[in-house]
Amino acid sequence: MNRAFNRKKDKSWMHTPEALAKHFIAYNAKFLGNTEVDQPKGTEIVKDAVRKLKFQRHIKKSEGQKIPKVELQISIYGVKILEPKSKEVQYNCQLHRISFCADDKTDKRIFTFICKDSESNKHLCYVFDSEKCAEEITLTIGQAFDLAYKKFLESGGKDVETRKQIGGLQKRIQDLEAENSELKKQLQVLEEQLMIAQVPPGNSMSSKTPTDIFDMVPFSPMTPLVPLPASNGSAPPPPARPTEMRKDIFGAEPFDPFTCGAADFPPDIQSKLDEMQRQRWRGSKWD
């Protein structure tokens, strides 16, 4: 790695080795983004990347977009970029893939590093804005490199391979967690669609017979007239015939073809019917 912070190599490091080896050092910063670069190192390379990302952020700021805030976790294993509230890992830059790190001398708030992407093998330049800690963050990354290099010499190179394997497993775990989260969302959508399509039991037909505006059951020629059950659940009694029939305006009882028999006709009408029957019988006899 090209250490752009060698100007302070004669000074003692800021953190204890245990803090970076067993834990991590956290910093808050604004993330301007990352962009692909042609070379893995170089001051002019990162300057061009900083100018490019600053211009893009200026356009987004004019559109009302704010620069997102991130949390940096620095250790001998790498630099993790997390969302501050949810602690979700956005980028995991392994230390052995970081090839250049520097803070901007012209703008004390800006610091950057170049890391080789594990999937595309492209070199990406990450640019951050920290008003007070830009130089300190750069030095902390440098200290992490120094401790990692010492550990590499002590282990004879085996530790680097172990870290690579661990880094690969961590990346695989992140991919599986992201895939699992996406599958959960798809499952939730399918369950909601199934609940909408499924008719709840008991609601397909109303338990109460619909009535019209006069609270009467509408007549349907397709269904027989069945008396409605009483309030207690038992069948209602048949309608009783009134003891006294109402008479019409001429004082005669109304004719009911369903209930009256031969003896129910008035005498004068009955005699005429009998006479007509006898004449019909005589005529048929002499024919």
C-alpha atoms as a PDB file:
ATOM      1  CA  MET A   1       0.000   0.000   0.000  1.00  0.00           C
ATOM      2  CA  ASN A   2       1.165   3.517  -0.785  1.00  0.00           C
ATOM      3  CA  ARG A   3       1.004   5.303   2.536  1.00  0.00           C
ATOM      4  CA  ALA A   4       0.225   8.948   1.937  1.00  0.00           C
ATOM      5  CA  PHE A   5       0.401   9.554   5.674  1.00  0.00           C
ATOM      6  CA  ASN A   6       4.130   8.777   6.030  1.00  0.00           C
ATOM      7  CA  ARG A   7       4.712  12.393   6.946  1.00  0.00           C
ATOM      8  CA  LYS A   8       3.796  11.434  10.537  1.00  0.00           C
ATOM      9  CA  LYS A   9       5.453   8.047  10.686  1.00  0.00           C
ATOM     10  CA  ASP A  10       7.857   9.266  13.314  1.00  0.00           C
ATOM     11  CA  LYS A  11       4.998   9.931  15.727  1.00  0.00           C
ATOM     12  CA  SER A  12       3.321   7.328  17.895  1.00  0.00           C
ATOM     13  CA  TRP A  13       0.064   5.794  16.759  1.00  0.00           C
ATOM     14  CA  MET A  14      -3.216   7.129  18.131  1.00  0.00           C
ATOM     15  CA  HIS A  15      -4.784   3.841  19.274  1.00  0.00           C
ATOM     16  CA  THR A  16      -3.669   0.771  21.166  1.00  0.00           C
ATOM     17  CA  PRO A  17      -2.906  -2.340  19.108  1.00  0.00           C
ATOM     18  CA  GLU A  18      -5.605  -4.277  20.999  1.00  0.00           C
ATOM     19  CA  ALA A  19      -8.278  -1.792  19.925  1.00  0.00           C
ATOM     20  CA  LEU A  20      -7.636  -2.471  16.245  1.00  0.00           C
ATOM     21  CA  ALA A  21      -6.681  -6.147  16.543  1.00  0.00           C
ATOM     22  CA  LYS A  22      -9.503  -7.363  18.776  1.00  0.00           C
ATOM     23  CA  HIS A  23     -12.136  -4.684  18.170  1.00  0.00           C
ATOM     24  CA  PHE A  24     -12.459  -1.692  15.860  1.00  0.00           C
ATOM     25  CA  ILE A  25     -12.346   2.103  15.880  1.00  0.00           C
ATOM     26  CA  ALA A  26     -15.559   3.816  14.759  1.00  0.00           C
ATOM     27  CA  TYR A  27     -15.878   7.191  13.035  1.00  0.00           C
ATOM     28  CA  ASN A  28     -18.815   9.109  11.596  1.00  0.00           C
ATOM     29  CA  ALA A  29     -18.506  10.789   8.212  1.00  0.00           C
ATOM     30  CA  LYS A  30     -20.452  11.826   5.127  1.00  0.00           C
ATOM     31  CA  PHE A  31     -20.132   9.500   2.160  1.00  0.00           C
ATOM     32  CA  LEU A  32     -19.712  11.255  -1.193  1.00  0.00           C
ATOM     33  CA  GLY A  33     -19.684   7.886  -2.987  1.00  0.00           C
ATOM     34  CA  ASN A  34     -17.266   5.751  -4.947  1.00  0.00           C
ATOM     35  CA  THR A  35     -16.103   5.769  -8.539  1.00  0.00           C
ATOM     36  CA  GLU A  36     -13.943   3.535 -10.690  1.00  0.00           C
ATOM     37  CA  VAL A  37     -10.315   4.600 -11.265  1.00  0.00           C
ATOM     38  CA  ASP A  38      -7.704   3.377 -13.751  1.00  0.00           C
ATOM     39  CA  GLN A  39      -4.819   2.905 -11.309  1.00  0.00           C
ATOM     40  CA  PRO A  40      -4.637   1.345  -7.830  1.00  0.00           C
ATOM     41  CA  LYS A  41      -2.707   4.301  -6.405  1.00  0.00           C
ATOM     42  CA  GLY A  42      -1.627   7.863  -7.026  1.00  0.00           C
ATOM     43  CA  THR A  43      -2.377  11.328  -5.683  1.00  0.00           C
ATOM     44  CA  GLU A  44      -3.617  12.631  -9.035  1.00  0.00           C
ATOM     45  CA  ILE A  45      -5.861   9.580  -9.390  1.00  0.00           C
ATOM     46  CA  VAL A  46      -7.695  10.320  -6.150  1.00  0.00           C
ATOM     47  CA  LYS A  47      -7.819  14.054  -6.883  1.00  0.00           C
ATOM     48  CA  ASP A  48      -9.683  13.385 -10.130  1.00  0.00           C
ATOM     49  CA  ALA A  49     -12.030  11.036  -8.298  1.00  0.00           C
ATOM     50  CA  VAL A  50     -12.693  13.640  -5.592  1.00  0.00           C
ATOM     51  CA  ARG A  51     -13.464  16.330  -8.190  1.00  0.00           C
ATOM     52  CA  LYS A  52     -15.812  13.978 -10.021  1.00  0.00           C
ATOM     53  CA  LEU A  53     -17.752  12.955  -6.910  1.00  0.00           C
ATOM     54  CA  LYS A  54     -17.902  16.521  -5.585  1.00  0.00           C
ATOM     55  CA  PHE A  55     -19.455  17.638  -8.864  1.00  0.00           C
ATOM     56  CA  GLN A  56     -22.017  14.822  -8.730  1.00  0.00           C
ATOM     57  CA  ARG A  57     -22.889  15.701  -5.131  1.00  0.00           C
ATOM     58  CA  HIS A  58     -23.261  19.360  -6.062  1.00  0.00           C
ATOM     59  CA  ILE A  59     -25.852  18.418  -8.680  1.00  0.00           C
ATOM     60  CA  LYS A  60     -27.716  16.146  -6.247  1.00  0.00           C
ATOM     61  CA  LYS A  61     -27.631  18.852  -3.579  1.00  0.00           C
ATOM     62  CA  SER A  62     -29.234  21.313  -6.002  1.00  0.00           C
ATOM     63  CA  GLU A  63     -31.991  18.722  -6.493  1.00  0.00           C
ATOM     64  CA  GLY A  64     -32.596  18.613  -2.739  1.00  0.00           C
ATOM     65  CA  GLN A  65     -30.682  15.410  -1.933  1.00  0.00           C
ATOM     66  CA  LYS A  66     -28.513  15.388   1.175  1.00  0.00           C
ATOM     67  CA  ILE A  67     -25.141  13.708   1.514  1.00  0.00           C
ATOM     68  CA  PRO A  68     -25.739  10.415   3.348  1.00  0.00           C
ATOM     69  CA  LYS A  69     -24.035   9.856   6.679  1.00  0.00           C
ATOM     70  CA  VAL A  70     -22.158   6.618   7.371  1.00  0.00           C
ATOM     71  CA  GLU A  71     -20.220   4.946  10.155  1.00  0.00           C
ATOM     72  CA  LEU A  72     -16.702   3.669   9.483  1.00  0.00           C
ATOM     73  CA  GLN A  73     -15.424   0.700  11.489  1.00  0.00           C
ATOM     74  CA  ILE A  74     -11.644   0.352  11.096  1.00  0.00           C
ATOM     75  CA  SER A  75      -9.724  -2.738  12.227  1.00  0.00           C
ATOM     76  CA  ILE A  76      -6.799  -4.881  11.072  1.00  0.00           C
ATOM     77  CA  TYR A  77      -9.282  -6.810   8.909  1.00  0.00           C
ATOM     78  CA  GLY A  78     -10.523  -3.867   6.895  1.00  0.00           C
ATOM     79  CA  VAL A  79     -12.852  -0.874   6.719  1.00  0.00           C
ATOM     80  CA  LYS A  80     -16.580  -1.435   7.015  1.00  0.00           C
ATOM     81  CA  ILE A  81     -19.036   1.226   5.830  1.00  0.00           C
ATOM     82  CA  LEU A  82     -22.341   1.014   7.710  1.00  0.00           C
ATOM     83  CA  GLU A  83     -25.638   2.859   7.895  1.00  0.00           C
ATOM     84  CA  PRO A  84     -25.420   4.673  11.280  1.00  0.00           C
ATOM     85  CA  LYS A  85     -28.887   3.826  12.656  1.00  0.00           C
ATOM     86  CA  SER A  86     -29.586   0.320  11.371  1.00  0.00           C
ATOM     87  CA  LYS A  87     -25.886  -0.722  11.428  1.00  0.00           C
ATOM     88  CA  GLU A  88     -26.422  -2.397   8.055  1.00  0.00           C
ATOM     89  CA  VAL A  89     -23.116  -3.018   6.253  1.00  0.00           C
ATOM     90  CA  GLN A  90     -23.099  -1.206   2.913  1.00  0.00           C
ATOM     91  CA  TYR A  91     -19.492  -1.978   1.942  1.00  0.00           C
ATOM     92  CA  ASN A  92     -16.878  -4.265   3.450  1.00  0.00           C
ATOM     93  CA  CYS A  93     -13.449  -3.230   2.179  1.00  0.00           C
ATOM     94  CA  GLN A  94     -10.930  -5.868   3.250  1.00  0.00           C
ATOM     95  CA  LEU A  95      -7.579  -4.459   4.270  1.00  0.00           C
ATOM     96  CA  HIS A  96      -5.470  -6.502   1.851  1.00  0.00           C
ATOM     97  CA  ARG A  97      -7.544  -5.061  -1.048  1.00  0.00           C
ATOM     98  CA  ILE A  98      -6.925  -1.403  -0.072  1.00  0.00           C
ATOM     99  CA  SER A  99      -4.013  -0.105  -2.134  1.00  0.00           C
ATOM    100  CA  PHE A 100      -3.987   3.648  -1.368  1.00  0.00           C
ATOM    101  CA  CYS A 101      -5.232   5.955   1.382  1.00  0.00           C
ATOM    102  CA  ALA A 102      -4.833   9.720   1.769  1.00  0.00           C
ATOM    103  CA  ASP A 103      -6.470  12.879   3.082  1.00  0.00           C
ATOM    104  CA  ASP A 104      -6.779  15.938   0.860  1.00  0.00           C
ATOM    105  CA  LYS A 105      -4.219  18.658   1.669  1.00  0.00           C
ATOM    106  CA  THR A 106      -6.286  21.334  -0.075  1.00  0.00           C
ATOM    107  CA  ASP A 107      -9.521  20.364   1.658  1.00  0.00           C
ATOM    108  CA  LYS A 108      -8.968  19.197   5.240  1.00  0.00           C
ATOM    109  CA  ARG A 109     -12.397  17.592   5.419  1.00  0.00           C
ATOM    110  CA  ILE A 110     -11.851  15.102   2.582  1.00  0.00           C
ATOM    111  CA  PHE A 111     -10.158  11.697   2.850  1.00  0.00           C
ATOM    112  CA  THR A 112     -10.193   8.791   0.442  1.00  0.00           C
ATOM    113  CA  PHE A 113      -8.894   5.294  -0.215  1.00  0.00           C
ATOM    114  CA  ILE A 114      -8.740   2.964  -3.224  1.00  0.00           C
ATOM    115  CA  CYS A 115      -9.955  -0.608  -2.868  1.00  0.00           C
ATOM    116  CA  LYS A 116     -10.114  -3.460  -5.387  1.00  0.00           C
ATOM    117  CA  ASP A 117     -13.624  -4.851  -5.692  1.00  0.00           C
ATOM    118  CA  SER A 118     -13.798  -8.574  -4.887  1.00  0.00           C
ATOM    119  CA  GLU A 119     -16.385  -9.342  -7.580  1.00  0.00           C
ATOM    120  CA  SER A 120     -15.542  -7.115 -10.546  1.00  0.00           C
ATOM    121  CA  ASN A 121     -11.791  -6.765  -9.750  1.00  0.00           C
ATOM    122  CA  LYS A 122     -12.128  -3.051 -10.560  1.00  0.00           C
ATOM    123  CA  HIS A 123     -10.364  -0.405  -8.508  1.00  0.00           C
ATOM    124  CA  LEU A 124     -12.876   1.839  -6.752  1.00  0.00           C
ATOM    125  CA  CYS A 125     -12.043   5.120  -5.052  1.00  0.00           C
ATOM    126  CA  TYR A 126     -14.134   5.834  -1.912  1.00  0.00           C
ATOM    127  CA  VAL A 127     -14.447   9.493  -0.917  1.00  0.00           C
ATOM    128  CA  PHE A 128     -15.615  10.801   2.480  1.00  0.00           C
ATOM    129  CA  ASP A 129     -16.230  14.171   4.104  1.00  0.00           C
ATOM    130  CA  SER A 130     -15.358  14.574   7.788  1.00  0.00           C
ATOM    131  CA  GLU A 131     -15.089  18.085   9.149  1.00  0.00           C
ATOM    132  CA  LYS A 132     -12.787  17.264  12.070  1.00  0.00           C
ATOM    133  CA  CYS A 133     -11.502  13.689  11.670  1.00  0.00           C
ATOM    134  CA  ALA A 134     -10.291  13.366   8.071  1.00  0.00           C
ATOM    135  CA  GLU A 135      -6.602  13.209   8.955  1.00  0.00           C
ATOM    136  CA  GLU A 136      -7.233  11.092  12.053  1.00  0.00           C
ATOM    137  CA  ILE A 137      -9.208   8.516  10.046  1.00  0.00           C
ATOM    138  CA  THR A 138      -6.387   8.302   7.501  1.00  0.00           C
ATOM    139  CA  LEU A 139      -3.839   7.715  10.264  1.00  0.00           C
ATOM    140  CA  THR A 140      -6.053   5.057  11.880  1.00  0.00           C
ATOM    141  CA  ILE A 141      -6.200   3.147   8.606  1.00  0.00           C
ATOM    142  CA  GLY A 142      -2.420   3.443   8.404  1.00  0.00           C
ATOM    143  CA  GLN A 143      -2.051   2.040  11.904  1.00  0.00           C
ATOM    144  CA  ALA A 144      -4.312  -0.885  10.975  1.00  0.00           C
ATOM    145  CA  PHE A 145      -2.011  -1.623   8.004  1.00  0.00           C
ATOM    146  CA  ASP A 146       1.057  -1.467  10.208  1.00  0.00           C
ATOM    147  CA  LEU A 147      -0.408  -3.930  12.734  1.00  0.00           C
ATOM    148  CA  ALA A 148      -1.665  -6.240   9.976  1.00  0.00           C
ATOM    149  CA  TYR A 149       1.788  -6.303   8.371  1.00  0.00           C
ATOM    150  CA  LYS A 150       3.453  -7.170  11.677  1.00  0.00           C
ATOM    151  CA  LYS A 151       0.954  -9.960  12.220  1.00  0.00           C
ATOM    152  CA  PHE A 152       1.654 -11.206   8.709  1.00  0.00           C
ATOM    153  CA  LEU A 153       5.390 -11.446   9.452  1.00  0.00           C
ATOM    154  CA  GLU A 154       4.763 -13.241  12.746  1.00  0.00           C
ATOM    155  CA  SER A 155       2.468 -15.830  11.180  1.00  0.00           C
ATOM    156  CA  GLY A 156       4.632 -16.429   8.116  1.00  0.00           C
ATOM    157  CA  GLY A 157       1.869 -15.382   5.743  1.00  0.00           C
ATOM    158  CA  LYS A 158      -0.708 -17.877   7.012  1.00  0.00           C
ATOM    159  CA  ASP A 159      -2.735 -15.188   8.709  1.00  0.00           C
ATOM    160  CA  VAL A 160      -3.378 -13.392   5.423  1.00  0.00           C
ATOM    161  CA  GLU A 161      -4.838 -16.517   3.859  1.00  0.00           C
ATOM    162  CA  THR A 162      -6.991 -17.027   6.905  1.00  0.00           C
ATOM    163  CA  ARG A 163      -8.275 -13.464   6.678  1.00  0.00           C
ATOM    164  CA  LYS A 164      -9.031 -13.967   3.001  1.00  0.00           C
ATOM    165  CA  GLN A 165     -11.069 -17.043   3.794  1.00  0.00           C
ATOM    166  CA  ILE A 166     -12.856 -15.259   6.612  1.00  0.00           C
ATOM    167  CA  GLY A 167     -13.522 -12.295   4.330  1.00  0.00           C
ATOM    168  CA  GLY A 168     -14.921 -14.603   1.668  1.00  0.00           C
ATOM    169  CA  LEU A 169     -17.193 -16.288   4.197  1.00  0.00           C
ATOM    170  CA  GLN A 170     -18.385 -12.925   5.515  1.00  0.00           C
ATOM    171  CA  LYS A 171     -19.199 -11.823   1.974  1.00  0.00           C
ATOM    172  CA  ARG A 172     -21.089 -15.061   1.392  1.00  0.00           C
ATOM    173  CA  ILE A 173     -23.045 -14.561   4.615  1.00  0.00           C
ATOM    174  CA  GLN A 174     -23.997 -11.016   3.576  1.00  0.00           C
ATOM    175  CA  ASP A 175     -25.167 -12.259   0.169  1.00  0.00           C
ATOM    176  CA  LEU A 176     -27.248 -15.009   1.767  1.00  0.00           C
ATOM    177  CA  GLU A 177     -28.770 -12.587   4.265  1.00  0.00           C
ATOM    178  CA  ALA A 178     -29.694 -10.203   1.445  1.00  0.00           C
ATOM    179  CA  GLU A 179     -31.174 -13.094  -0.557  1.00  0.00           C
ATOM    180  CA  ASN A 180     -33.101 -14.298   2.495  1.00  0.00           C
ATOM    181  CA  SER A 181     -34.501 -10.808   3.082  1.00  0.00           C
ATOM    182  CA  GLU A 182     -35.642 -10.589  -0.543  1.00  0.00           C
ATOM    183  CA  LEU A 183     -37.307 -14.008  -0.340  1.00  0.00           C
ATOM    184  CA  LYS A 184     -39.149 -12.956   2.824  1.00  0.00           C
ATOM    185  CA  LYS A 185     -40.499  -9.891   1.030  1.00  0.00           C
ATOM    186  CA  GLN A 186     -41.674 -12.001  -1.921  1.00  0.00           C
ATOM    187  CA  LEU A 187     -43.319 -14.489   0.458  1.00  0.00           C
ATOM    188  CA  GLN A 188     -45.132 -11.677   2.243  1.00  0.00           C
ATOM    189  CA  VAL A 189     -46.435 -10.324  -1.071  1.00  0.00           C
ATOM    190  CA  LEU A 190     -47.685 -13.784  -2.094  1.00  0.00           C
ATOM    191  CA  GLU A 191     -49.438 -14.271   1.264  1.00  0.00           C
ATOM    192  CA  GLU A 192     -51.188 -10.916   0.901  1.00  0.00           C
ATOM    193  CA  GLN A 193     -52.312 -11.793  -2.631  1.00  0.00           C
ATOM    194  CA  LEU A 194     -53.604 -15.178  -1.396  1.00  0.00           C
ATOM    195  CA  MET A 195     -55.582 -13.551   1.418  1.00  0.00           C
ATOM    196  CA  ILE A 196     -57.186 -11.136  -1.046  1.00  0.00           C
ATOM    197  CA  ALA A 197     -58.096 -13.910  -3.501  1.00  0.00           C
ATOM    198  CA  GLN A 198     -59.452 -16.284  -0.838  1.00  0.00           C
ATOM    199  CA  VAL A 199     -63.108 -15.774   0.167  1.00  0.00           C
ATOM    200  CA  PRO A 200     -63.505 -15.913   3.939  1.00  0.00           C
ATOM    201  CA  PRO A 201     -65.818 -18.750   5.120  1.00  0.00           C
ATOM    202  CA  GLY A 202     -69.362 -17.649   6.031  1.00  0.00           C
ATOM    203  CA  ASN A 203     -69.166 -14.415   4.053  1.00  0.00           C
ATOM    204  CA  SER A 204     -69.952 -15.813   0.588  1.00  0.00           C
ATOM    205  CA  MET A 205     -73.752 -15.588   1.306  1.00  0.00           C
ATOM    206  CA  SER A 206     -75.424 -13.302   3.732  1.00  0.00           C
ATOM    207  CA  SER A 207     -77.109 -15.039   6.657  1.00  0.00           C
ATOM    208  CA  LYS A 208     -79.918 -12.504   6.536  1.00  0.00           C
ATOM    209  CA  THR A 209     -82.469 -12.533   3.696  1.00  0.00           C
ATOM    210  CA  PRO A 210     -82.290  -9.211   1.815  1.00  0.00           C
ATOM    211  CA  THR A 211     -85.406  -7.026   1.906  1.00  0.00           C
ATOM    212  CA  ASP A 212     -86.648  -4.110  -0.163  1.00  0.00           C
ATOM    213  CA  ILE A 213     -87.209  -0.524   0.946  1.00  0.00           C
ATOM    214  CA  PHE A 214     -90.485  -1.562   2.633  1.00  0.00           C
ATOM    215  CA  ASP A 215     -88.668  -4.232   4.669  1.00  0.00           C
ATOM    216  CA  MET A 216     -90.396  -6.981   2.631  1.00  0.00           C
ATOM    217  CA  VAL A 217     -88.795 -10.041   1.083  1.00  0.00           C
ATOM    218  CA  PRO A 218     -88.740  -9.536  -2.700  1.00  0.00           C
ATOM    219  CA  PHE A 219     -90.641 -12.140  -4.763  1.00  0.00           C
ATOM    220  CA  SER A 220     -88.585 -14.325  -7.100  1.00  0.00           C
ATOM    221  CA  PRO A 221     -90.365 -16.629  -9.620  1.00  0.00           C
ATOM    222  CA  MET A 222     -87.358 -18.980  -9.538  1.00  0.00           C
ATOM    223  CA  THR A 223     -87.730 -19.800  -5.847  1.00  0.00           C
ATOM    224  CA  PRO A 224     -90.798 -21.203  -4.043  1.00  0.00           C
ATOM    225  CA  LEU A 225     -92.592 -19.108  -1.501  1.00  0.00           C
ATOM    226  CA  VAL A 226     -91.432 -20.479   1.812  1.00  0.00           C
ATOM    227  CA  PRO A 227     -92.535 -18.907   5.095  1.00  0.00           C
ATOM    228  CA  LEU A 228     -89.738 -17.266   7.020  1.00  0.00           C
ATOM    229  CA  PRO A 229     -88.880 -18.931  10.340  1.00  0.00           C
ATOM    230  CA  ALA A 230     -90.068 -17.354  13.526  1.00  0.00           C
ATOM    231  CA  SER A 231     -87.711 -15.455  15.812  1.00  0.00           C
ATOM    232  CA  ASN A 232     -87.354 -18.526  18.057  1.00  0.00           C
ATOM    233  CA  GLY A 233     -86.261 -20.711  15.131  1.00  0.00           C
ATOM    234  CA  SER A 234     -89.479 -22.791  14.814  1.00  0.00           C
ATOM    235  CA  ALA A 235     -91.672 -22.810  11.684  1.00  0.00           C
ATOM    236  CA  PRO A 236     -94.522 -20.288  11.752  1.00  0.00           C
ATOM    237  CA  PRO A 237     -98.140 -21.613  11.902  1.00  0.00           C
ATOM    238  CA  PRO A 238    -100.217 -21.596   8.667  1.00  0.00           C
ATOM    239  CA  PRO A 239    -102.235 -18.452   8.124  1.00  0.00           C
ATOM    240  CA  ALA A 240    -105.706 -18.746   9.682  1.00  0.00           C
ATOM    241  CA  ARG A 241    -108.713 -18.067   7.477  1.00  0.00           C
ATOM    242  CA  PRO A 242    -110.837 -15.250   8.814  1.00  0.00           C
ATOM    243  CA  THR A 243    -114.188 -16.303  10.348  1.00  0.00           C
ATOM    244  CA  GLU A 244    -116.059 -13.618   8.489  1.00  0.00           C
ATOM    245  CA  MET A 245    -115.397 -13.008   4.812  1.00  0.00           C
ATOM    246  CA  ARG A 246    -115.462  -9.452   3.710  1.00  0.00           C
ATOM    247  CA  LYS A 247    -118.257  -8.628   1.198  1.00  0.00           C
ATOM    248  CA  ASP A 248    -117.928  -6.553  -1.932  1.00  0.00           C
ATOM    249  CA  ILE A 249    -119.756  -3.281  -2.641  1.00  0.00           C
ATOM    250  CA  PHE A 250    -122.890  -5.238  -3.836  1.00  0.00           C
ATOM    251  CA  GLY A 251    -123.150  -7.157  -0.580  1.00  0.00           C
ATOM    252  CA  ALA A 252    -122.019 -10.466  -2.094  1.00  0.00           C
ATOM    253  CA  GLU A 253    -119.230 -12.593  -0.819  1.00  0.00           C
ATOM    254  CA  PRO A 254    -116.165 -12.654  -3.081  1.00  0.00           C
ATOM    255  CA  PHE A 255    -115.607 -15.789  -5.194  1.00  0.00           C
ATOM    256  CA  ASP A 256    -112.662 -17.929  -4.178  1.00  0.00           C
ATOM    257  CA  PRO A 257    -112.013 -20.719  -6.736  1.00  0.00           C
ATOM    258  CA  PHE A 258    -109.449 -22.403  -4.477  1.00  0.00           C
ATOM    259  CA  THR A 259    -111.616 -22.825  -1.411  1.00  0.00           C
ATOM    260  CA  CYS A 260    -115.263 -23.006  -2.524  1.00  0.00           C
ATOM    261  CA  GLY A 261    -117.022 -26.271  -3.594  1.00  0.00           C
ATOM    262  CA  ALA A 262    -120.261 -27.047  -5.433  1.00  0.00           C
ATOM    263  CA  ALA A 263    -122.427 -26.312  -2.411  1.00  0.00           C
ATOM    264  CA  ASP A 264    -120.847 -22.943  -1.866  1.00  0.00           C
ATOM    265  CA  PHE A 265    -122.641 -21.243  -4.821  1.00  0.00           C
ATOM    266  CA  PRO A 266    -125.717 -19.100  -4.107  1.00  0.00           C
ATOM    267  CA  PRO A 267    -129.104 -20.946  -4.627  1.00  0.00           C
ATOM    268  CA  ASP A 268    -130.149 -19.014  -7.724  1.00  0.00           C
ATOM    269  CA  ILE A 269    -126.845 -19.656  -9.456  1.00  0.00           C
ATOM    270  CA  GLN A 270    -126.826 -23.284  -8.384  1.00  0.00           C
ATOM    271  CA  SER A 271    -130.364 -23.887  -9.811  1.00  0.00           C
ATOM    272  CA  LYS A 272    -129.409 -22.353 -13.124  1.00  0.00           C
ATOM    273  CA  LEU A 273    -126.325 -24.546 -13.289  1.00  0.00           C
ATOM    274  CA  ASP A 274    -128.444 -27.644 -12.579  1.00  0.00           C
ATOM    275  CA  GLU A 275    -130.971 -26.702 -15.292  1.00  0.00           C
ATOM    276  CA  MET A 276    -128.185 -26.183 -17.833  1.00  0.00           C
ATOM    277  CA  GLN A 277    -126.743 -29.574 -16.913  1.00  0.00           C
ATOM    278  CA  ARG A 278    -130.151 -31.343 -17.390  1.00  0.00           C
ATOM    279  CA  GLN A 279    -130.719 -29.718 -20.795  1.00  0.00           C
ATOM    280  CA  ARG A 280    -127.268 -30.766 -21.914  1.00  0.00           C
ATOM    281  CA  TRP A 281    -127.994 -34.331 -20.778  1.00  0.00           C
ATOM    282  CA  ARG A 282    -131.378 -34.467 -22.679  1.00  0.00           C
ATOM    283  CA  GLY A 283    -129.780 -33.082 -25.830  1.00  0.00           C
ATOM    284  CA  SER A 284    -127.024 -35.687 -25.778  1.00  0.00           C
ATOM    285  CA  LYS A 285    -129.623 -38.478 -25.170  1.00  0.00           C
ATOM    286  CA  TRP A 286    -131.810 -37.649 -28.212  1.00  0.00           C
ATOM    287  CA  ASP A 287    -128.899 -37.108 -30.511  1.00  0.00           C
END
